[in-house]
Protein backbone atom coordinates (compact mmCIF):
# COMPACT_ATOMS: atom_id res chain seq x y z
CA UNK A 1 -9.76 77.82 12.03
CA UNK A 2 -6.11 77.46 13.15
CA UNK A 3 -6.81 79.81 16.07
CA UNK A 4 -9.68 77.58 17.22
CA UNK A 5 -7.50 74.47 17.03
CA UNK A 6 -4.69 76.07 18.99
CA UNK A 7 -7.08 77.50 21.56
CA UNK A 8 -8.75 74.10 22.06
CA UNK A 9 -5.39 72.37 22.48
CA UNK A 10 -4.15 74.99 24.95
CA UNK A 11 -7.30 74.84 27.05
CA UNK A 12 -7.28 71.04 26.93
CA UNK A 13 -3.63 70.99 28.07
CA UNK A 14 -4.37 73.27 31.01
CA UNK A 15 -7.40 71.16 31.85
CA UNK A 16 -5.26 68.01 31.73
CA UNK A 17 -2.74 69.53 34.10
CA UNK A 18 -5.51 70.64 36.44
CA UNK A 19 -7.09 67.17 36.43
CA UNK A 20 -3.68 65.56 37.04
CA UNK A 21 -2.99 67.82 40.02
CA UNK A 22 -6.46 67.24 41.41
CA UNK A 23 -6.09 63.46 41.20
CA UNK A 24 -2.65 63.64 42.83
CA UNK A 25 -4.03 65.82 45.62
CA UNK A 26 -7.02 63.51 46.11
CA UNK A 27 -4.67 60.57 46.52
CA UNK A 28 -6.96 57.89 45.09
CA UNK A 29 -6.09 55.09 42.71
CA UNK A 30 -7.07 57.06 39.60
CA UNK A 31 -4.27 59.26 38.32
CA UNK A 32 -2.69 60.61 35.14
CA UNK A 33 0.96 59.79 34.58
CA UNK A 34 3.29 62.02 32.61
CA UNK A 35 3.46 59.42 29.84
CA UNK A 36 -0.35 59.38 29.63
CA UNK A 37 -0.32 63.17 29.62
CA UNK A 38 2.14 63.15 26.70
CA UNK A 39 -0.02 60.68 24.79
CA UNK A 40 -3.08 62.86 25.40
CA UNK A 41 -1.26 65.94 24.15
CA UNK A 42 -0.16 64.05 21.04
CA UNK A 43 -3.75 63.06 20.29
CA UNK A 44 -5.28 66.49 21.02
CA UNK A 45 -4.08 68.30 17.85
CA UNK A 46 -5.54 65.56 15.66
CA UNK A 47 -8.87 65.52 17.49
CA UNK A 48 -9.11 69.33 17.67
CA UNK A 49 -8.19 69.65 14.00
CA UNK A 50 -10.84 67.18 12.85
CA UNK A 51 -13.55 68.72 15.02
CA UNK A 52 -12.65 72.28 13.96
CA UNK A 53 -12.52 71.33 10.27
CA UNK A 54 -15.92 69.59 10.42
CA UNK A 55 -17.49 72.39 12.46
CA UNK A 56 -16.03 75.08 10.24
CA UNK A 57 -17.32 73.33 7.09
CA UNK A 58 -20.81 72.91 8.52
CA UNK A 59 -20.92 76.52 9.72
CA UNK A 60 -19.81 77.95 6.37
CA UNK A 61 -22.21 75.69 4.49
CA UNK A 62 -25.11 76.97 6.59
CA UNK A 63 -24.09 80.58 5.92
CA UNK A 64 -23.92 80.23 2.13
CA UNK A 65 -27.16 78.23 1.80
CA UNK A 66 -30.22 80.29 0.85
CA UNK A 67 -33.57 79.49 -0.78
CA UNK A 68 -35.01 80.55 -4.10
CA UNK A 69 -38.14 79.94 -6.14
CA UNK A 70 -38.04 77.38 -8.91
CA UNK A 71 -40.86 77.58 -11.43
CA UNK A 72 -42.36 75.08 -13.82
CA UNK A 73 -45.50 73.41 -15.15
CA UNK A 74 -47.96 70.66 -14.38
CA UNK A 75 -47.35 67.58 -16.55
CA UNK A 76 -49.88 64.89 -15.59
CA UNK A 77 -52.15 63.72 -12.79
CA UNK A 78 -51.80 60.34 -11.13
CA UNK A 79 -54.53 58.30 -9.41
CA UNK A 80 -53.53 55.15 -7.55
CA UNK A 81 -55.18 52.90 -5.00
CA UNK A 82 -54.31 50.48 -2.21
CA UNK A 83 -56.22 47.20 -2.00
CA UNK A 84 -57.30 46.82 1.62
CA UNK A 85 -56.93 43.59 3.62
CA UNK A 86 -57.13 42.57 7.24
CA UNK A 87 -53.93 43.71 9.03
CA UNK A 88 -52.93 45.19 5.69
CA UNK A 89 -51.59 48.52 4.39
CA UNK A 90 -54.70 50.71 4.59
CA UNK A 91 -54.94 53.61 7.04
CA UNK A 92 -58.60 53.68 8.09
CA UNK A 93 -59.19 50.57 10.22
CA UNK A 94 -61.07 49.36 13.30
CA UNK A 95 -60.55 46.59 15.87
CA UNK A 96 -62.06 43.28 14.76
CA UNK A 97 -61.89 39.50 15.18
CA UNK A 98 -60.71 39.23 18.81
CA UNK A 99 -58.27 36.50 19.81
CA UNK A 100 -56.14 35.60 22.83
CA UNK A 101 -52.49 36.64 22.79
CA UNK A 102 -49.74 36.10 25.32
CA UNK A 103 -47.37 38.55 26.92
CA UNK A 104 -44.58 38.47 29.50
CA UNK A 105 -45.85 39.32 32.98
CA UNK A 106 -43.05 38.08 35.26
CA UNK A 107 -42.20 39.73 38.55
CA UNK A 108 -39.49 39.84 41.19
CA UNK A 109 -39.82 37.57 44.22
CA UNK A 110 -37.91 37.29 47.50
CA UNK A 111 -35.93 39.90 49.38
CA UNK A 112 -32.31 40.86 49.82
CA UNK A 113 -29.81 38.48 48.25
CA UNK A 114 -32.62 36.03 47.48
CA UNK A 115 -34.54 38.51 45.31
CA UNK A 116 -34.91 37.10 41.80
CA UNK A 117 -37.05 37.47 38.68
CA UNK A 118 -39.67 34.81 37.88
CA UNK A 119 -40.83 34.68 34.27
CA UNK A 120 -44.55 34.19 33.66
CA UNK A 121 -46.86 34.16 30.65
CA UNK A 122 -50.17 35.99 30.80
CA UNK A 123 -53.04 36.16 28.32
CA UNK A 124 -55.15 39.04 27.07
CA UNK A 125 -57.67 39.80 24.33
CA UNK A 126 -56.09 41.20 21.16
CA UNK A 127 -57.71 42.40 17.94
CA UNK A 128 -56.97 42.33 14.25
CA UNK A 129 -57.13 45.54 12.17
CA UNK A 130 -59.96 45.49 9.65
CA UNK A 131 -60.29 48.21 6.98
CA UNK A 132 -63.54 50.10 6.61
CA UNK A 133 -63.52 50.05 2.80
CA UNK A 134 -62.11 47.76 0.13
CA UNK A 135 -59.87 50.42 -1.45
CA UNK A 136 -58.15 53.66 -0.44
CA UNK A 137 -57.13 56.11 -3.17
CA UNK A 138 -54.05 58.32 -3.56
CA UNK A 139 -53.93 61.43 -5.76
CA UNK A 140 -50.78 63.19 -6.94
CA UNK A 141 -49.64 65.55 -9.69
CA UNK A 142 -46.46 65.17 -11.73
CA UNK A 143 -44.77 68.47 -12.60
CA UNK A 144 -41.53 69.62 -14.14
CA UNK A 145 -40.35 70.16 -10.53
CA UNK A 146 -41.28 66.69 -9.31
CA UNK A 147 -44.33 64.88 -7.98
CA UNK A 148 -46.72 66.54 -5.50
CA UNK A 149 -48.96 64.45 -3.26
CA UNK A 150 -52.42 66.03 -3.12
CA UNK A 151 -54.39 63.53 -1.02
CA UNK A 152 -53.76 60.04 0.35
CA UNK A 153 -55.92 57.22 1.74
CA UNK A 154 -59.13 58.73 0.40
CA UNK A 155 -62.36 56.70 0.43
CA UNK A 156 -64.26 55.86 -2.78
CA UNK A 157 -67.19 58.09 -3.76
CA UNK A 158 -69.66 55.93 -1.86
CA UNK A 159 -67.90 54.43 1.20
CA UNK A 160 -71.00 52.56 2.40
CA UNK A 161 -71.26 50.81 -0.96
CA UNK A 162 -67.60 49.83 -0.80
CA UNK A 163 -67.41 48.37 2.71
CA UNK A 164 -64.75 45.77 3.35
CA UNK A 165 -67.31 43.88 5.40
CA UNK A 166 -70.88 44.35 4.28
CA UNK A 167 -72.26 44.15 7.83
CA UNK A 168 -69.95 46.86 9.26
CA UNK A 169 -70.95 50.42 8.36
CA UNK A 170 -68.44 53.25 8.07
CA UNK A 171 -68.91 55.96 10.75
CA UNK A 172 -69.60 59.41 9.33
CA UNK A 173 -66.79 60.87 11.46
CA UNK A 174 -64.30 58.56 9.73
CA UNK A 175 -65.70 59.46 6.30
CA UNK A 176 -65.29 63.16 7.10
CA UNK A 177 -61.66 62.71 8.10
CA UNK A 178 -60.73 60.46 5.18
CA UNK A 179 -62.59 62.37 2.47
CA UNK A 180 -64.26 60.83 -0.54
CA UNK A 181 -63.80 60.85 -4.28
CA UNK A 182 -61.41 62.91 -6.39
CA UNK A 183 -60.12 66.17 -4.78
CA UNK A 184 -61.28 69.30 -6.61
CA UNK A 185 -57.71 70.67 -6.88
CA UNK A 186 -56.58 67.43 -8.51
CA UNK A 187 -59.57 67.35 -10.88
CA UNK A 188 -58.84 70.92 -12.07
CA UNK A 189 -55.20 69.99 -12.74
CA UNK A 190 -56.30 66.85 -14.63
CA UNK A 191 -58.61 68.89 -16.83
CA UNK A 192 -55.83 71.39 -17.60
CA UNK A 193 -53.31 68.66 -18.47
CA UNK A 194 -55.77 66.74 -20.65
CA UNK A 195 -56.53 69.95 -22.56
CA UNK A 196 -52.77 70.60 -23.00
CA UNK A 197 -53.18 73.80 -20.97
CA UNK A 198 -51.05 73.00 -17.88
CA UNK A 199 -51.05 75.21 -14.82
CA UNK A 200 -48.04 76.90 -13.17
CA UNK A 201 -45.98 75.36 -10.38
CA UNK A 202 -43.47 76.91 -7.99
CA UNK A 203 -41.30 75.52 -5.18
CA UNK A 204 -38.62 76.63 -2.74
CA UNK A 205 -35.19 75.10 -3.26
CA UNK A 206 -31.79 75.53 -1.62
CA UNK A 207 -28.87 77.11 -3.46
CA UNK A 208 -25.51 78.76 -2.65
CA UNK A 209 -25.12 82.55 -2.61
CA UNK A 210 -21.65 83.85 -1.71
CA UNK A 211 -22.68 87.48 -2.16
CA UNK A 212 -25.46 87.38 0.43
CA UNK A 213 -23.32 85.27 2.76
CA UNK A 214 -20.35 87.63 2.70
CA UNK A 215 -20.30 90.34 5.36
CA UNK A 216 -17.70 92.42 3.56
CA UNK A 217 -18.51 92.48 -0.14
CA UNK A 218 -19.48 95.78 -1.72
CA UNK A 219 -21.67 94.01 -4.28
CA UNK A 220 -24.79 94.20 -2.12
CA UNK A 221 -26.91 97.32 -2.26
CA UNK A 222 -27.09 99.68 0.71
CA UNK A 223 -29.59 102.47 1.27
CA UNK A 224 -30.18 105.02 4.01
CA UNK A 225 -33.78 105.49 2.85
CA UNK A 226 -35.14 102.15 4.02
CA UNK A 227 -36.34 103.45 7.41
CA UNK A 228 -38.20 106.35 5.77
CA UNK A 229 -40.01 104.12 3.28
CA UNK A 230 -40.80 101.62 6.01
CA UNK A 231 -42.34 104.30 8.20
CA UNK A 232 -44.67 105.14 5.31
CA UNK A 233 -45.37 101.43 4.68
CA UNK A 234 -44.07 101.65 1.14
CA UNK A 235 -41.75 98.62 1.22
CA UNK A 236 -43.64 95.37 0.61
CA UNK A 237 -42.40 92.14 2.15
CA UNK A 238 -40.50 89.75 -0.08
CA UNK A 239 -42.47 86.65 -1.09
CA UNK A 240 -41.02 83.54 0.58
CA UNK A 241 -43.84 81.03 1.09
CA UNK A 242 -45.77 78.40 -0.86
CA UNK A 243 -49.58 78.25 -0.83
CA UNK A 244 -51.95 75.47 -1.93
CA UNK A 245 -49.30 72.86 -2.73
CA UNK A 246 -47.36 74.83 -5.36
CA UNK A 247 -48.63 78.38 -5.71
CA UNK A 248 -47.05 81.65 -4.52
CA UNK A 249 -47.98 85.35 -4.59
CA UNK A 250 -45.07 87.37 -5.97
CA UNK A 251 -47.14 90.45 -6.78
CA UNK A 252 -47.38 93.59 -4.63
CA UNK A 253 -49.56 96.70 -4.97
CA UNK A 254 -48.70 100.01 -3.30
CA UNK A 255 -51.22 102.88 -3.34
CA UNK A 256 -53.25 101.19 -6.10
CA UNK A 257 -55.31 98.02 -6.16
CA UNK A 258 -57.08 96.57 -9.21
CA UNK A 259 -60.50 95.01 -8.78
CA UNK A 260 -59.15 91.71 -10.17
CA UNK A 261 -55.88 91.44 -8.23
CA UNK A 262 -56.20 87.64 -8.00
CA UNK A 263 -56.23 87.45 -11.80
CA UNK A 264 -53.07 89.59 -11.91
CA UNK A 265 -51.39 87.17 -9.55
CA UNK A 266 -52.43 84.18 -11.66
CA UNK A 267 -51.10 85.82 -14.82
CA UNK A 268 -47.75 86.37 -13.08
CA UNK A 269 -47.70 82.71 -12.04
CA UNK A 270 -48.09 81.66 -15.68
CA UNK A 271 -45.31 84.02 -16.77
CA UNK A 272 -43.05 82.68 -14.02
CA UNK A 273 -43.76 79.08 -14.98
CA UNK A 274 -42.44 79.75 -18.47
CA UNK A 275 -39.55 81.88 -17.21
CA UNK A 276 -38.47 79.24 -14.72
CA UNK A 277 -38.90 76.30 -17.08
CA UNK A 278 -36.95 77.89 -19.91
CA UNK A 279 -34.44 80.19 -18.18
CA UNK A 280 -34.48 79.32 -14.45
CA UNK A 281 -35.67 82.82 -13.57
CA UNK A 282 -38.23 84.15 -11.10
CA UNK A 283 -40.14 87.43 -11.58
CA UNK A 284 -41.48 89.65 -8.78
CA UNK A 285 -43.73 92.55 -9.78
CA UNK A 286 -44.50 95.67 -7.72
CA UNK A 287 -47.16 98.10 -8.99
CA UNK A 288 -46.97 101.55 -7.39
CA UNK A 289 -49.07 104.69 -7.30
CA UNK A 290 -47.30 107.23 -5.12
CA UNK A 291 -46.22 110.76 -6.11
CA UNK A 292 -43.21 110.83 -3.78
CA UNK A 293 -41.86 107.59 -5.25
CA UNK A 294 -42.65 108.77 -8.79
CA UNK A 295 -40.52 111.87 -8.22
CA UNK A 296 -37.43 109.69 -7.66
CA UNK A 297 -38.00 106.06 -8.77
CA UNK A 298 -34.27 105.29 -8.72
CA UNK A 299 -34.05 106.10 -5.01
CA UNK A 300 -36.98 103.83 -4.23
CA UNK A 301 -35.67 100.99 -6.43
CA UNK A 302 -32.30 101.09 -4.65
CA UNK A 303 -33.98 101.04 -1.22
CA UNK A 304 -36.23 98.11 -2.13
CA UNK A 305 -33.32 96.06 -3.46
CA UNK A 306 -31.22 96.76 -0.36
CA UNK A 307 -34.18 95.86 1.86
CA UNK A 308 -34.93 92.59 0.07
CA UNK A 309 -31.23 91.63 0.09
CA UNK A 310 -30.99 92.11 3.87
CA UNK A 311 -30.39 88.65 5.34
CA UNK A 312 -30.89 90.10 8.83
CA UNK A 313 -34.53 90.70 7.87
CA UNK A 314 -35.27 87.80 5.52
CA UNK A 315 -32.66 85.29 6.71
CA UNK A 316 -32.04 82.59 4.08
CA UNK A 317 -35.06 83.84 2.10
CA UNK A 318 -33.32 87.08 1.05
CA UNK A 319 -33.58 88.11 -2.61
CA UNK A 320 -32.30 85.18 -4.65
CA UNK A 321 -29.80 85.25 -7.48
CA UNK A 322 -32.38 84.11 -10.06
CA UNK A 323 -34.84 86.91 -9.19
CA UNK A 324 -35.97 89.64 -11.57
CA UNK A 325 -37.83 92.50 -9.88
CA UNK A 326 -39.89 94.89 -11.98
CA UNK A 327 -41.34 98.10 -10.52
CA UNK A 328 -44.21 99.64 -12.46
CA UNK A 329 -45.41 103.13 -11.51
CA UNK A 330 -48.62 104.91 -12.45
CA UNK A 331 -49.93 108.39 -11.74
CA UNK A 332 -53.42 108.01 -13.20
CA UNK A 333 -54.14 104.33 -12.49
CA UNK A 334 -54.67 103.75 -16.20
CA UNK A 335 -51.25 103.62 -17.86
CA UNK A 336 -47.63 103.09 -16.85
CA UNK A 337 -45.84 106.39 -16.21
CA UNK A 338 -42.46 104.98 -15.11
CA UNK A 339 -40.72 101.66 -14.50
CA UNK A 340 -37.53 100.25 -13.04
CA UNK A 341 -36.01 96.78 -12.77
CA UNK A 342 -33.19 94.98 -11.00
CA UNK A 343 -32.02 91.42 -10.54
CA UNK A 344 -30.67 89.48 -7.59
CA UNK A 345 -27.12 89.60 -8.97
CA UNK A 346 -24.85 92.65 -9.18
CA UNK A 347 -23.75 91.83 -12.73
CA UNK A 348 -25.49 90.53 -15.83
CA UNK A 349 -28.78 91.33 -17.62
CA UNK A 350 -27.82 95.00 -17.97
CA UNK A 351 -29.65 95.37 -21.30
CA UNK A 352 -32.80 93.85 -19.82
CA UNK A 353 -32.72 96.37 -16.95
CA UNK A 354 -32.27 99.34 -19.30
CA UNK A 355 -35.01 98.29 -21.71
CA UNK A 356 -37.38 97.50 -18.83
CA UNK A 357 -36.82 101.06 -17.57
CA UNK A 358 -37.48 102.68 -20.94
CA UNK A 359 -39.84 100.27 -22.66
CA UNK A 360 -42.96 100.15 -20.47
CA UNK A 361 -44.01 103.79 -20.33
CA UNK A 362 -47.50 104.29 -21.76
CA UNK A 363 -48.45 100.62 -21.52
CA UNK A 364 -52.08 100.12 -20.40
CA UNK A 365 -52.21 99.16 -16.72
CA UNK A 366 -53.84 95.77 -17.27
CA UNK A 367 -52.46 92.32 -16.61
CA UNK A 368 -52.97 91.33 -20.26
CA UNK A 369 -50.84 94.25 -21.52
CA UNK A 370 -48.13 94.06 -18.90
CA UNK A 371 -47.85 90.40 -17.94
CA UNK A 372 -49.63 88.32 -20.55
CA UNK A 373 -52.44 85.77 -20.79
CA UNK A 374 -53.49 83.21 -18.18
CA UNK A 375 -52.94 80.36 -20.56
CA UNK A 376 -50.22 78.10 -21.93
CA UNK A 377 -49.59 75.42 -24.52
CA UNK A 378 -46.98 72.68 -24.72
CA UNK A 379 -45.47 71.77 -28.08
CA UNK A 380 -44.10 68.40 -29.20
CA UNK A 381 -40.67 69.22 -27.72
CA UNK A 382 -42.10 69.97 -24.27
CA UNK A 383 -41.62 73.75 -24.59
CA UNK A 384 -44.36 75.88 -23.09
CA UNK A 385 -45.47 79.09 -24.75
CA UNK A 386 -48.40 81.56 -24.74
CA UNK A 387 -51.03 80.75 -27.39
CA UNK A 388 -50.92 82.82 -30.57
CA UNK A 389 -47.69 84.52 -29.39
CA UNK A 390 -49.74 86.74 -27.08
CA UNK A 391 -46.94 88.10 -24.89
CA UNK A 392 -47.30 90.94 -22.41
CA UNK A 393 -44.84 93.86 -22.50
CA UNK A 394 -42.78 92.59 -19.55
CA UNK A 395 -42.80 89.08 -20.98
CA UNK A 396 -41.61 90.29 -24.39
CA UNK A 397 -38.56 91.95 -22.83
CA UNK A 398 -37.63 89.09 -20.48
CA UNK A 399 -37.99 86.47 -23.22
CA UNK A 400 -36.19 88.60 -25.81
CA UNK A 401 -39.08 88.40 -28.27
CA UNK A 402 -38.15 91.68 -30.01
CA UNK A 403 -34.45 91.77 -29.06
CA UNK A 404 -32.54 88.65 -28.00
CA UNK A 405 -30.04 90.77 -26.05
CA UNK A 406 -32.73 91.56 -23.46
CA UNK A 407 -33.46 87.89 -22.78
CA UNK A 408 -32.94 87.00 -19.13
CA UNK A 409 -29.85 84.97 -18.33
CA UNK A 410 -29.26 83.36 -14.96
CA UNK A 411 -25.82 84.41 -13.71
CA UNK A 412 -23.99 81.61 -11.92
CA UNK A 413 -22.00 82.04 -8.73
CA UNK A 414 -19.25 79.74 -9.96
CA UNK A 415 -18.76 81.50 -13.26
CA UNK A 416 -18.99 78.19 -15.13
CA UNK A 417 -20.90 80.00 -17.86
CA UNK A 418 -17.52 81.48 -18.97
CA UNK A 419 -18.25 84.78 -17.27
CA UNK A 420 -16.66 86.08 -14.09
CA UNK A 421 -17.91 84.21 -11.06
CA UNK A 422 -18.01 85.03 -7.37
CA UNK A 423 -16.22 82.03 -5.88
CA UNK A 424 -13.52 84.34 -4.55
CA UNK A 425 -16.05 85.62 -2.01
CA UNK A 426 -16.09 82.17 -0.43
CA UNK A 427 -12.85 82.99 1.37
CA UNK A 428 -14.46 86.06 2.97
CA UNK A 429 -17.19 84.03 4.63
CA UNK A 430 -16.54 83.34 8.28
CA UNK A 431 -18.64 81.53 10.89
CA UNK A 432 -20.57 83.75 13.27
CA UNK A 433 -19.37 84.42 16.81
CA UNK A 434 -21.85 81.90 18.17
CA UNK A 435 -20.74 79.25 15.68
CA UNK A 436 -17.08 79.89 16.51
CA UNK A 437 -17.71 79.43 20.22
CA UNK A 438 -19.68 76.25 19.55
CA UNK A 439 -16.81 74.81 17.50
CA UNK A 440 -14.30 75.74 20.22
CA UNK A 441 -16.39 74.14 22.97
CA UNK A 442 -16.91 70.90 21.03
CA UNK A 443 -13.20 70.73 20.12
CA UNK A 444 -12.25 71.30 23.76
CA UNK A 445 -14.62 68.59 25.01
CA UNK A 446 -13.30 66.17 22.40
CA UNK A 447 -9.72 66.86 23.53
CA UNK A 448 -10.73 66.34 27.17
CA UNK A 449 -11.69 62.79 26.24
CA UNK A 450 -7.98 61.99 26.44
CA UNK A 451 -7.93 62.84 30.15
CA UNK A 452 -10.92 60.59 30.81
CA UNK A 453 -9.01 57.77 29.15
CA UNK A 454 -5.81 58.57 31.03
CA UNK A 455 -7.48 58.69 34.44
CA UNK A 456 -9.01 55.24 33.88
CA UNK A 457 -5.98 53.63 32.27
CA UNK A 458 -3.36 51.51 34.06
CA UNK A 459 0.18 52.66 33.40
CA UNK A 460 2.57 50.17 35.10
CA UNK A 461 5.57 52.42 34.54
CA UNK A 462 4.36 54.88 37.19
CA UNK A 463 1.86 52.83 39.12
CA UNK A 464 -1.19 54.22 37.38
CA UNK A 465 -4.68 52.88 38.01
CA UNK A 466 -6.83 50.74 35.73
CA UNK A 467 -10.48 50.71 36.77
CA UNK A 468 -11.20 47.21 35.45
CA UNK A 469 -8.34 45.61 37.39
CA UNK A 470 -9.54 42.93 39.84
């Protein structure tokens, strides 16, 4: 940052000298005196320092900010309405009740020095805004991650029976755009919440990751096998989007596809909801049937982790620090023949990774056996759990059902969990070349503001010029 400040000051000084010489050569009233030049050079370090500090902070903040999935549960559904009135708050309205309103319609008259503006008042027909129906409804869902708006300004079930004015019908085109009644997605969520069987929720949130941001750390995985696996289309893309308000597909199949893949995905969503709500984790599952991968699962696991951590490919969506990735391999499409696991952090959860590698072999290749049921309950303390303790094999390991030492633990960047953190990497993070040039240019332009002031300032000591002087 010091280099940028010094460079901006030096360039600004040279620019000031060039402007001073140009104004002297031009011989006009505007000029820069040596005293004004000295004042400008005194101000430049302060201006350049402030601009560089602000730009540097913004640039570094943008480099360390990434996104991750947060997971949770539906809590309750909310149905509200707006009472409609003329010129009121409702959205679906039409022009009604015409009246005369005035507006300014003056014009310029005369020519030359006699040209002047003459104010006039004109009249036109204006309209009030009348709503089509007497009420518009709003539907939302409260979750452990916040409130989600599902639909707004929806008409009642029978719009024609709920007209604001009985003699004005509602056009079918307006009804189609506004929608009527309770949205099916909202109704399904209401039924789940009322039965104490809430559905899963996921969202993308910002967080800080010094490991991914650093260009020098050795704590990110590297693999020379990525290109080979990519050429064979064996590296799935990392999930990074949200579908249907708060759903996401974090399940990938390679060389094998079950007939009920959508059910697999839903089971994983339920597992993630519990994992996120209780331990702030996020599970991604890859099911593989490929002999070449099966011959060396470790090689493939390393390549996939390096690929998903590549911020050049996935930008700020690269593999997050709260991620748990489980690879499940099969040779017969019936049972698990091998498995591997890794997390988004280089340290922590070592026991989980080892047990996940050794504890899944022979498990039936079904979502019930591996992931768990598509169902949840909420107890009096607000804790969600599978009914009847029906955990899948992956779920048992991650939640430490049989061994608490395998339970997933989110590792913090700051180390405020009394374990070694990664804040020291913050000093390694530098703005990109483009960001550095942008900071330098802005700092230079800010410093040049002093020469604009000097050229338009009157300095009586050397006969300088002041533009506002009469």
